[in-house]
N, C-alpha and C. Protein backbone atom coordinates (compact mmCIF):
# COMPACT_ATOMS: atom_id res chain seq x y z
N MET A 1 0.81 -1.21 0.00
CA MET A 1 0.00 0.00 0.00
C MET A 1 0.85 1.27 0.00
N PRO A 2 1.94 1.39 0.82
CA PRO A 2 2.74 2.60 0.78
C PRO A 2 3.31 2.90 -0.61
N MET A 3 3.63 1.87 -1.38
CA MET A 3 4.18 2.09 -2.71
C MET A 3 3.17 2.80 -3.61
N VAL A 4 1.92 2.41 -3.54
CA VAL A 4 0.87 3.07 -4.31
C VAL A 4 0.76 4.53 -3.89
N HIS A 5 0.82 4.77 -2.58
CA HIS A 5 0.76 6.13 -2.05
C HIS A 5 1.91 6.96 -2.62
N ASN A 6 3.12 6.41 -2.61
CA ASN A 6 4.28 7.14 -3.12
C ASN A 6 4.13 7.45 -4.60
N ILE A 7 3.67 6.48 -5.37
CA ILE A 7 3.50 6.71 -6.80
C ILE A 7 2.46 7.79 -7.04
N ARG A 8 1.35 7.73 -6.30
CA ARG A 8 0.29 8.73 -6.47
C ARG A 8 0.82 10.12 -6.12
N ARG A 9 1.56 10.24 -5.02
CA ARG A 9 2.08 11.55 -4.61
C ARG A 9 3.14 12.05 -5.59
N GLN A 10 4.02 11.14 -6.07
CA GLN A 10 5.02 11.54 -7.06
C GLN A 10 4.32 12.05 -8.32
N ALA A 11 3.27 11.36 -8.74
CA ALA A 11 2.50 11.80 -9.91
C ALA A 11 1.89 13.16 -9.64
N GLY A 12 1.38 13.38 -8.43
CA GLY A 12 0.82 14.67 -8.05
C GLY A 12 1.85 15.77 -8.10
N LEU A 13 3.06 15.47 -7.66
CA LEU A 13 4.15 16.44 -7.71
C LEU A 13 4.47 16.80 -9.16
N ALA A 14 4.54 15.79 -10.02
CA ALA A 14 4.84 16.03 -11.44
C ALA A 14 3.74 16.88 -12.08
N GLU A 15 2.50 16.56 -11.77
CA GLU A 15 1.36 17.31 -12.33
C GLU A 15 1.38 18.77 -11.86
N LEU A 16 1.62 18.98 -10.57
CA LEU A 16 1.67 20.35 -10.05
C LEU A 16 2.82 21.14 -10.67
N ALA A 17 3.96 20.49 -10.80
CA ALA A 17 5.11 21.17 -11.40
C ALA A 17 4.78 21.59 -12.83
N GLN A 18 4.17 20.69 -13.57
CA GLN A 18 3.81 20.99 -14.96
C GLN A 18 2.80 22.14 -15.03
N GLN A 19 1.79 22.13 -14.15
CA GLN A 19 0.78 23.19 -14.14
C GLN A 19 1.41 24.55 -13.88
N ARG A 20 2.47 24.58 -13.10
CA ARG A 20 3.12 25.84 -12.74
C ARG A 20 4.31 26.16 -13.64
N GLY A 21 4.48 25.36 -14.68
CA GLY A 21 5.56 25.62 -15.63
C GLY A 21 6.94 25.33 -15.07
N LEU A 22 7.03 24.46 -14.09
CA LEU A 22 8.31 24.11 -13.48
C LEU A 22 8.76 22.74 -13.96
N ARG A 23 10.06 22.59 -14.10
CA ARG A 23 10.60 21.28 -14.45
C ARG A 23 10.64 20.42 -13.19
N LEU A 24 10.39 19.15 -13.35
CA LEU A 24 10.50 18.23 -12.23
C LEU A 24 11.89 17.61 -12.31
N THR A 25 12.85 18.30 -11.71
CA THR A 25 14.26 17.89 -11.79
C THR A 25 14.51 16.65 -10.93
N SER A 26 15.65 16.03 -11.16
CA SER A 26 16.01 14.86 -10.36
C SER A 26 16.20 15.26 -8.90
N GLN A 27 16.71 16.48 -8.65
CA GLN A 27 16.88 16.93 -7.26
C GLN A 27 15.53 17.11 -6.57
N ARG A 28 14.55 17.67 -7.29
CA ARG A 28 13.21 17.85 -6.72
C ARG A 28 12.59 16.50 -6.39
N ARG A 29 12.72 15.57 -7.31
CA ARG A 29 12.19 14.22 -7.06
C ARG A 29 12.86 13.59 -5.84
N LEU A 30 14.18 13.75 -5.75
CA LEU A 30 14.93 13.17 -4.64
C LEU A 30 14.48 13.77 -3.30
N ILE A 31 14.40 15.08 -3.23
CA ILE A 31 14.01 15.76 -1.98
C ILE A 31 12.59 15.36 -1.59
N PHE A 32 11.70 15.33 -2.56
CA PHE A 32 10.32 14.94 -2.27
C PHE A 32 10.27 13.50 -1.77
N SER A 33 11.02 12.63 -2.41
CA SER A 33 11.06 11.22 -2.01
C SER A 33 11.58 11.06 -0.59
N ILE A 34 12.60 11.83 -0.23
CA ILE A 34 13.16 11.78 1.13
C ILE A 34 12.10 12.20 2.14
N LEU A 35 11.41 13.29 1.85
CA LEU A 35 10.37 13.77 2.77
C LEU A 35 9.24 12.76 2.90
N GLU A 36 8.86 12.18 1.78
CA GLU A 36 7.73 11.26 1.78
C GLU A 36 8.04 9.97 2.53
N SER A 37 9.28 9.52 2.47
CA SER A 37 9.63 8.24 3.11
C SER A 37 10.16 8.41 4.53
N ALA A 38 10.37 9.64 4.98
CA ALA A 38 10.93 9.87 6.32
C ALA A 38 9.95 9.43 7.40
N PRO A 39 10.45 8.75 8.44
CA PRO A 39 9.57 8.33 9.53
C PRO A 39 9.22 9.48 10.47
N THR A 40 9.84 10.63 10.28
CA THR A 40 9.63 11.78 11.15
C THR A 40 9.78 13.06 10.33
N HIS A 41 9.54 14.19 10.92
CA HIS A 41 9.73 15.47 10.26
C HIS A 41 11.23 15.77 10.20
N LEU A 42 11.69 16.29 9.08
CA LEU A 42 13.11 16.56 8.88
C LEU A 42 13.35 18.05 8.68
N ASN A 43 14.52 18.52 9.16
CA ASN A 43 14.91 19.89 8.87
C ASN A 43 15.76 19.89 7.60
N ALA A 44 16.11 21.07 7.11
CA ALA A 44 16.83 21.17 5.83
C ALA A 44 18.18 20.47 5.89
N LYS A 45 18.86 20.58 7.01
CA LYS A 45 20.18 19.92 7.15
C LYS A 45 20.03 18.40 7.06
N GLN A 46 19.01 17.85 7.70
CA GLN A 46 18.78 16.41 7.64
C GLN A 46 18.42 15.97 6.22
N ILE A 47 17.64 16.79 5.53
CA ILE A 47 17.27 16.49 4.15
C ILE A 47 18.52 16.48 3.27
N LEU A 48 19.40 17.48 3.47
CA LEU A 48 20.64 17.55 2.71
C LEU A 48 21.50 16.31 2.96
N GLU A 49 21.63 15.91 4.23
CA GLU A 49 22.43 14.72 4.56
C GLU A 49 21.88 13.48 3.87
N GLU A 50 20.56 13.31 3.88
CA GLU A 50 19.94 12.16 3.22
C GLU A 50 20.12 12.23 1.71
N ALA A 51 19.97 13.42 1.15
CA ALA A 51 20.10 13.60 -0.30
C ALA A 51 21.52 13.27 -0.76
N ARG A 52 22.52 13.66 0.02
CA ARG A 52 23.91 13.41 -0.36
C ARG A 52 24.26 11.92 -0.37
N LYS A 53 23.47 11.12 0.34
CA LYS A 53 23.70 9.67 0.29
C LYS A 53 23.38 9.12 -1.10
N GLN A 54 22.45 9.76 -1.80
CA GLN A 54 22.06 9.31 -3.13
C GLN A 54 22.67 10.17 -4.24
N ASP A 55 22.95 11.42 -3.92
CA ASP A 55 23.53 12.34 -4.90
C ASP A 55 24.57 13.20 -4.18
N PRO A 56 25.82 12.70 -4.11
CA PRO A 56 26.87 13.41 -3.37
C PRO A 56 27.13 14.83 -3.86
N GLY A 57 26.73 15.16 -5.08
CA GLY A 57 26.97 16.48 -5.63
C GLY A 57 25.93 17.53 -5.27
N ILE A 58 24.85 17.13 -4.64
CA ILE A 58 23.78 18.09 -4.31
C ILE A 58 24.28 19.04 -3.22
N ASP A 59 23.98 20.32 -3.37
CA ASP A 59 24.47 21.28 -2.37
C ASP A 59 23.32 21.89 -1.56
N GLN A 60 23.71 22.62 -0.53
CA GLN A 60 22.76 23.21 0.41
C GLN A 60 21.81 24.18 -0.29
N VAL A 61 22.33 25.00 -1.18
CA VAL A 61 21.50 25.98 -1.88
C VAL A 61 20.41 25.28 -2.69
N THR A 62 20.77 24.18 -3.34
CA THR A 62 19.79 23.42 -4.13
C THR A 62 18.67 22.90 -3.25
N VAL A 63 19.03 22.38 -2.08
CA VAL A 63 18.01 21.85 -1.16
C VAL A 63 17.09 22.97 -0.69
N TYR A 64 17.65 24.08 -0.22
CA TYR A 64 16.82 25.19 0.27
C TYR A 64 15.94 25.76 -0.84
N ARG A 65 16.50 25.93 -2.03
CA ARG A 65 15.73 26.49 -3.15
C ARG A 65 14.57 25.56 -3.50
N ASN A 66 14.84 24.26 -3.56
CA ASN A 66 13.78 23.32 -3.92
C ASN A 66 12.74 23.19 -2.83
N LEU A 67 13.13 23.27 -1.57
CA LEU A 67 12.15 23.27 -0.48
C LEU A 67 11.22 24.47 -0.63
N SER A 68 11.80 25.62 -0.94
CA SER A 68 11.00 26.84 -1.12
C SER A 68 10.03 26.69 -2.30
N VAL A 69 10.50 26.14 -3.40
CA VAL A 69 9.65 25.95 -4.58
C VAL A 69 8.52 24.97 -4.26
N MET A 70 8.85 23.85 -3.61
CA MET A 70 7.82 22.85 -3.30
C MET A 70 6.81 23.38 -2.29
N LYS A 71 7.27 24.25 -1.40
CA LYS A 71 6.34 24.88 -0.45
C LYS A 71 5.37 25.79 -1.20
N ARG A 72 5.88 26.60 -2.13
CA ARG A 72 5.02 27.47 -2.93
C ARG A 72 4.06 26.67 -3.80
N MET A 73 4.49 25.49 -4.25
CA MET A 73 3.63 24.62 -5.06
C MET A 73 2.52 24.01 -4.23
N GLY A 74 2.68 24.02 -2.90
CA GLY A 74 1.67 23.45 -2.03
C GLY A 74 1.77 21.95 -1.83
N VAL A 75 2.94 21.36 -2.11
CA VAL A 75 3.09 19.92 -1.92
C VAL A 75 3.81 19.56 -0.63
N ILE A 76 4.47 20.55 -0.02
CA ILE A 76 5.08 20.32 1.30
C ILE A 76 4.69 21.47 2.21
N ASP A 77 4.80 21.22 3.50
CA ASP A 77 4.56 22.26 4.51
C ASP A 77 5.82 22.47 5.32
N GLU A 78 6.04 23.72 5.71
CA GLU A 78 7.14 24.08 6.59
C GLU A 78 6.54 24.27 7.98
N LEU A 79 7.13 23.61 8.95
CA LEU A 79 6.59 23.62 10.32
C LEU A 79 7.61 24.19 11.28
N ASP A 80 7.14 24.95 12.27
CA ASP A 80 8.07 25.38 13.32
C ASP A 80 7.95 24.50 14.56
N LEU A 81 6.95 23.64 14.61
CA LEU A 81 6.73 22.69 15.71
C LEU A 81 6.88 23.36 17.08
N LEU A 82 6.11 24.41 17.26
CA LEU A 82 6.03 25.14 18.53
C LEU A 82 7.35 25.78 18.95
N HIS A 83 8.28 25.91 18.02
CA HIS A 83 9.60 26.48 18.30
C HIS A 83 10.32 25.74 19.43
N LEU A 84 10.05 24.45 19.55
CA LEU A 84 10.71 23.66 20.60
C LEU A 84 12.19 23.47 20.32
N ARG A 85 12.62 23.73 19.10
CA ARG A 85 14.04 23.67 18.76
C ARG A 85 14.49 25.05 18.30
N GLY A 86 14.08 26.07 19.01
CA GLY A 86 14.44 27.42 18.62
C GLY A 86 13.73 27.81 17.34
N GLU A 87 14.46 28.38 16.42
CA GLU A 87 13.87 28.84 15.16
C GLU A 87 13.99 27.82 14.04
N GLU A 88 14.43 26.61 14.37
CA GLU A 88 14.58 25.57 13.35
C GLU A 88 13.23 25.16 12.78
N HIS A 89 13.20 24.95 11.47
CA HIS A 89 11.96 24.56 10.80
C HIS A 89 12.08 23.15 10.24
N TYR A 90 10.95 22.49 10.16
CA TYR A 90 10.88 21.12 9.67
C TYR A 90 9.94 21.07 8.49
N TYR A 91 10.05 20.00 7.72
CA TYR A 91 9.24 19.88 6.51
C TYR A 91 8.53 18.54 6.49
N GLU A 92 7.33 18.54 5.91
CA GLU A 92 6.59 17.31 5.69
C GLU A 92 5.82 17.44 4.39
N VAL A 93 5.54 16.31 3.77
CA VAL A 93 4.68 16.30 2.60
C VAL A 93 3.30 16.72 3.05
N ARG A 94 2.67 17.61 2.31
CA ARG A 94 1.32 18.06 2.67
C ARG A 94 0.41 16.85 2.77
N GLN A 95 -0.22 16.72 3.90
CA GLN A 95 -1.05 15.56 4.18
C GLN A 95 -2.40 15.67 3.51
N LEU A 96 -2.91 14.53 3.09
CA LEU A 96 -4.27 14.50 2.55
C LEU A 96 -5.27 14.52 3.69
N ARG A 97 -4.83 14.13 4.88
CA ARG A 97 -5.70 14.16 6.06
C ARG A 97 -5.26 15.32 6.95
N GLU A 98 -6.21 15.94 7.59
CA GLU A 98 -5.89 17.02 8.51
C GLU A 98 -5.49 16.41 9.83
N HIS A 99 -4.52 17.03 10.49
CA HIS A 99 -4.00 16.46 11.72
C HIS A 99 -3.44 17.55 12.62
N CYS A 100 -3.21 17.18 13.86
CA CYS A 100 -2.61 18.08 14.84
C CYS A 100 -1.17 17.64 15.08
N HIS A 101 -0.28 18.59 15.31
CA HIS A 101 1.05 18.28 15.80
C HIS A 101 1.00 18.57 17.30
N VAL A 102 1.36 17.59 18.09
CA VAL A 102 1.30 17.72 19.54
C VAL A 102 2.72 17.61 20.07
N GLY A 103 3.13 18.58 20.90
CA GLY A 103 4.49 18.58 21.43
C GLY A 103 4.53 18.79 22.92
N CYS A 104 5.40 18.03 23.58
CA CYS A 104 5.62 18.20 25.02
C CYS A 104 6.57 19.38 25.22
N LEU A 105 6.16 20.36 25.97
CA LEU A 105 6.96 21.55 26.20
C LEU A 105 8.14 21.29 27.14
N SER A 106 8.17 20.11 27.75
CA SER A 106 9.28 19.77 28.64
C SER A 106 10.33 18.92 27.93
N CYS A 107 9.95 17.75 27.45
CA CYS A 107 10.93 16.83 26.84
C CYS A 107 11.03 16.99 25.34
N GLY A 108 10.05 17.64 24.72
CA GLY A 108 10.10 17.88 23.29
C GLY A 108 9.56 16.78 22.41
N GLN A 109 9.01 15.73 23.00
CA GLN A 109 8.43 14.65 22.19
C GLN A 109 7.33 15.23 21.31
N MET A 110 7.33 14.83 20.02
CA MET A 110 6.33 15.31 19.08
C MET A 110 5.62 14.12 18.46
N PHE A 111 4.33 14.27 18.21
CA PHE A 111 3.61 13.26 17.46
C PHE A 111 2.45 13.90 16.73
N GLU A 112 1.95 13.18 15.73
CA GLU A 112 0.79 13.64 14.99
C GLU A 112 -0.45 12.97 15.56
N PHE A 113 -1.53 13.73 15.60
CA PHE A 113 -2.77 13.24 16.16
C PHE A 113 -3.89 13.50 15.16
N VAL A 114 -4.57 12.45 14.77
CA VAL A 114 -5.67 12.57 13.82
C VAL A 114 -6.97 12.36 14.59
N THR A 115 -7.90 13.28 14.42
CA THR A 115 -9.16 13.20 15.16
C THR A 115 -10.30 13.76 14.31
N PRO A 116 -11.49 13.19 14.45
CA PRO A 116 -12.66 13.75 13.76
C PRO A 116 -12.98 15.17 14.21
N ALA A 117 -12.44 15.59 15.34
CA ALA A 117 -12.70 16.95 15.83
C ALA A 117 -12.22 18.01 14.84
N MET A 118 -11.21 17.68 14.03
CA MET A 118 -10.74 18.64 13.02
C MET A 118 -11.87 18.97 12.05
N LYS A 119 -12.61 17.96 11.64
CA LYS A 119 -13.74 18.20 10.73
C LYS A 119 -14.82 19.02 11.41
N ALA A 120 -15.02 18.78 12.70
CA ALA A 120 -16.03 19.54 13.45
C ALA A 120 -15.64 21.02 13.52
N ILE A 121 -14.35 21.29 13.71
CA ILE A 121 -13.87 22.68 13.74
C ILE A 121 -14.12 23.33 12.38
N ASN A 122 -13.78 22.62 11.31
CA ASN A 122 -13.99 23.16 9.96
C ASN A 122 -15.46 23.46 9.70
N LYS A 123 -16.33 22.53 10.09
CA LYS A 123 -17.77 22.73 9.89
C LYS A 123 -18.28 23.92 10.69
N ALA A 124 -17.78 24.07 11.93
CA ALA A 124 -18.20 25.20 12.76
C ALA A 124 -17.76 26.52 12.12
N LEU A 125 -16.55 26.57 11.59
CA LEU A 125 -16.08 27.78 10.90
C LEU A 125 -16.95 28.09 9.68
N GLU A 126 -17.28 27.07 8.93
CA GLU A 126 -18.11 27.28 7.75
C GLU A 126 -19.49 27.78 8.12
N LYS A 127 -20.07 27.19 9.16
CA LYS A 127 -21.43 27.55 9.56
C LYS A 127 -21.48 28.89 10.27
N GLU A 128 -20.63 29.09 11.26
CA GLU A 128 -20.71 30.28 12.10
C GLU A 128 -20.03 31.51 11.51
N CYS A 129 -19.04 31.30 10.65
CA CYS A 129 -18.29 32.44 10.12
C CYS A 129 -18.39 32.57 8.61
N ASN A 130 -19.17 31.68 7.98
CA ASN A 130 -19.29 31.69 6.53
C ASN A 130 -17.90 31.64 5.88
N TYR A 131 -17.08 30.71 6.36
CA TYR A 131 -15.69 30.59 5.95
C TYR A 131 -15.46 29.20 5.38
N LYS A 132 -14.92 29.11 4.18
CA LYS A 132 -14.64 27.82 3.56
C LYS A 132 -13.19 27.43 3.87
N VAL A 133 -13.02 26.38 4.66
CA VAL A 133 -11.69 25.91 5.04
C VAL A 133 -11.12 25.07 3.90
N ALA A 134 -9.93 25.43 3.44
CA ALA A 134 -9.26 24.67 2.39
C ALA A 134 -8.29 23.67 2.98
N TYR A 135 -7.68 24.02 4.10
CA TYR A 135 -6.69 23.17 4.73
C TYR A 135 -6.53 23.63 6.17
N ALA A 136 -6.33 22.68 7.07
CA ALA A 136 -6.14 23.05 8.48
C ALA A 136 -5.05 22.20 9.11
N ARG A 137 -4.29 22.83 9.97
CA ARG A 137 -3.27 22.13 10.75
C ARG A 137 -3.19 22.85 12.09
N ILE A 138 -3.15 22.10 13.15
CA ILE A 138 -3.13 22.68 14.48
C ILE A 138 -1.89 22.19 15.21
N GLU A 139 -1.24 23.07 15.96
CA GLU A 139 -0.12 22.69 16.81
C GLU A 139 -0.54 22.90 18.26
N ILE A 140 -0.32 21.88 19.07
CA ILE A 140 -0.74 21.91 20.47
C ILE A 140 0.47 21.63 21.35
N GLY A 141 0.69 22.48 22.33
CA GLY A 141 1.77 22.28 23.30
C GLY A 141 1.19 21.92 24.65
N GLY A 142 1.83 21.02 25.33
CA GLY A 142 1.39 20.59 26.65
C GLY A 142 2.47 19.75 27.29
N TYR A 143 2.07 18.85 28.18
CA TYR A 143 3.04 18.02 28.89
C TYR A 143 2.62 16.56 28.81
N CYS A 144 3.55 15.71 28.38
CA CYS A 144 3.26 14.28 28.27
C CYS A 144 3.13 13.66 29.66
N ALA A 145 2.61 12.44 29.70
CA ALA A 145 2.39 11.75 30.97
C ALA A 145 3.68 11.59 31.75
N LYS A 146 4.77 11.27 31.07
CA LYS A 146 6.06 11.07 31.74
C LYS A 146 6.51 12.37 32.43
N CYS A 147 6.43 13.48 31.73
CA CYS A 147 6.86 14.77 32.30
C CYS A 147 5.91 15.24 33.39
N ARG A 148 4.61 14.98 33.23
CA ARG A 148 3.67 15.34 34.30
C ARG A 148 3.97 14.52 35.54
N GLY A 149 4.37 13.27 35.36
CA GLY A 149 4.75 12.42 36.49
C GLY A 149 5.95 12.98 37.22
N LYS A 150 6.93 13.51 36.49
CA LYS A 150 8.11 14.11 37.10
C LYS A 150 7.70 15.34 37.90
N GLU A 151 6.76 16.14 37.34
CA GLU A 151 6.30 17.34 38.02
C GLU A 151 5.62 16.97 39.33
N GLU A 152 4.80 15.92 39.27
CA GLU A 152 4.09 15.48 40.47
C GLU A 152 5.04 14.96 41.54
N GLN A 153 6.23 14.49 41.11
CA GLN A 153 7.22 14.02 42.06
C GLN A 153 8.10 15.16 42.57
N GLY A 154 7.77 16.39 42.19
CA GLY A 154 8.50 17.55 42.69
C GLY A 154 9.61 18.04 41.78
N LYS A 155 9.78 17.42 40.63
CA LYS A 155 10.80 17.87 39.69
C LYS A 155 10.20 18.97 38.82
N VAL A 156 10.96 20.02 38.59
CA VAL A 156 10.46 21.17 37.85
C VAL A 156 10.50 20.91 36.35
N ILE A 157 9.42 21.27 35.67
CA ILE A 157 9.37 21.18 34.21
C ILE A 157 9.94 22.48 33.65
N GLN A 158 10.89 22.36 32.73
CA GLN A 158 11.48 23.53 32.11
C GLN A 158 10.75 23.81 30.80
N LYS A 159 9.97 24.85 30.78
CA LYS A 159 9.24 25.20 29.56
C LYS A 159 10.23 25.62 28.48
N GLY A 160 9.92 25.21 27.27
CA GLY A 160 10.73 25.61 26.13
C GLY A 160 12.01 24.83 25.96
N LYS A 161 12.18 23.74 26.67
CA LYS A 161 13.38 22.93 26.51
C LYS A 161 13.46 22.41 25.08
N ARG A 162 14.65 22.27 24.57
CA ARG A 162 14.85 21.83 23.19
C ARG A 162 14.36 20.41 22.97
N VAL A 163 13.92 20.15 21.76
CA VAL A 163 13.45 18.82 21.39
C VAL A 163 14.64 17.88 21.31
N ARG A 164 14.49 16.71 21.93
CA ARG A 164 15.53 15.69 21.81
C ARG A 164 15.22 14.76 20.66
N SER A 165 13.95 14.50 20.44
CA SER A 165 13.59 13.61 19.34
C SER A 165 12.20 13.97 18.84
N LEU A 166 12.03 13.75 17.59
CA LEU A 166 10.71 13.93 16.98
C LEU A 166 10.19 12.55 16.64
N THR A 167 8.99 12.27 17.05
CA THR A 167 8.39 10.99 16.68
C THR A 167 7.17 11.28 15.84
N SER A 168 6.79 10.34 15.03
CA SER A 168 5.63 10.57 14.17
C SER A 168 4.57 9.51 14.40
N ALA A 169 4.44 9.08 15.65
CA ALA A 169 3.38 8.11 15.95
C ALA A 169 2.04 8.77 15.68
N THR A 170 1.17 8.05 15.07
CA THR A 170 -0.15 8.59 14.75
C THR A 170 -1.19 7.93 15.63
N SER A 171 -2.00 8.73 16.28
CA SER A 171 -3.07 8.22 17.12
C SER A 171 -4.41 8.53 16.48
N ARG A 172 -5.38 7.73 16.72
CA ARG A 172 -6.74 7.98 16.22
C ARG A 172 -7.73 7.82 17.35
N ILE A 173 -8.77 8.63 17.33
CA ILE A 173 -9.85 8.49 18.31
C ILE A 173 -10.89 7.60 17.70
């Protein structure tokens, strides 16, 4: 099933590039493929490192330029993930499903959360504000069970601590 998903998304990338008069270069395909297959959100440096494994000649400027182009095309999103890693930004392939990014403000654990509540929010906006939602993404900061347990044991939670790891576990209600 993931292979079909990748082919469909690659085809979507090619179609969007063509609609916008852009060439679908080998570097663009490579960067998109890295983002699509990544188990977690990646920053530009991580994308460059992965790209160099397949194309040692690719440079930093090429990666940043292509990320910017793909963002303008609407096929990837740039995320700040609650600034848990300072001003560092991460990238993901634009999801077909709406989801929340949830981050622990103490340990920095991140995960995606999919819930029907996103559709309810969209419907409420449409009904109450006469607003047509095209795309929605929510970032939520709080404290995971492990960090709340430390707080309850008298250990102080440091707000804004840097992220140690990003996880992409998906939960459903």
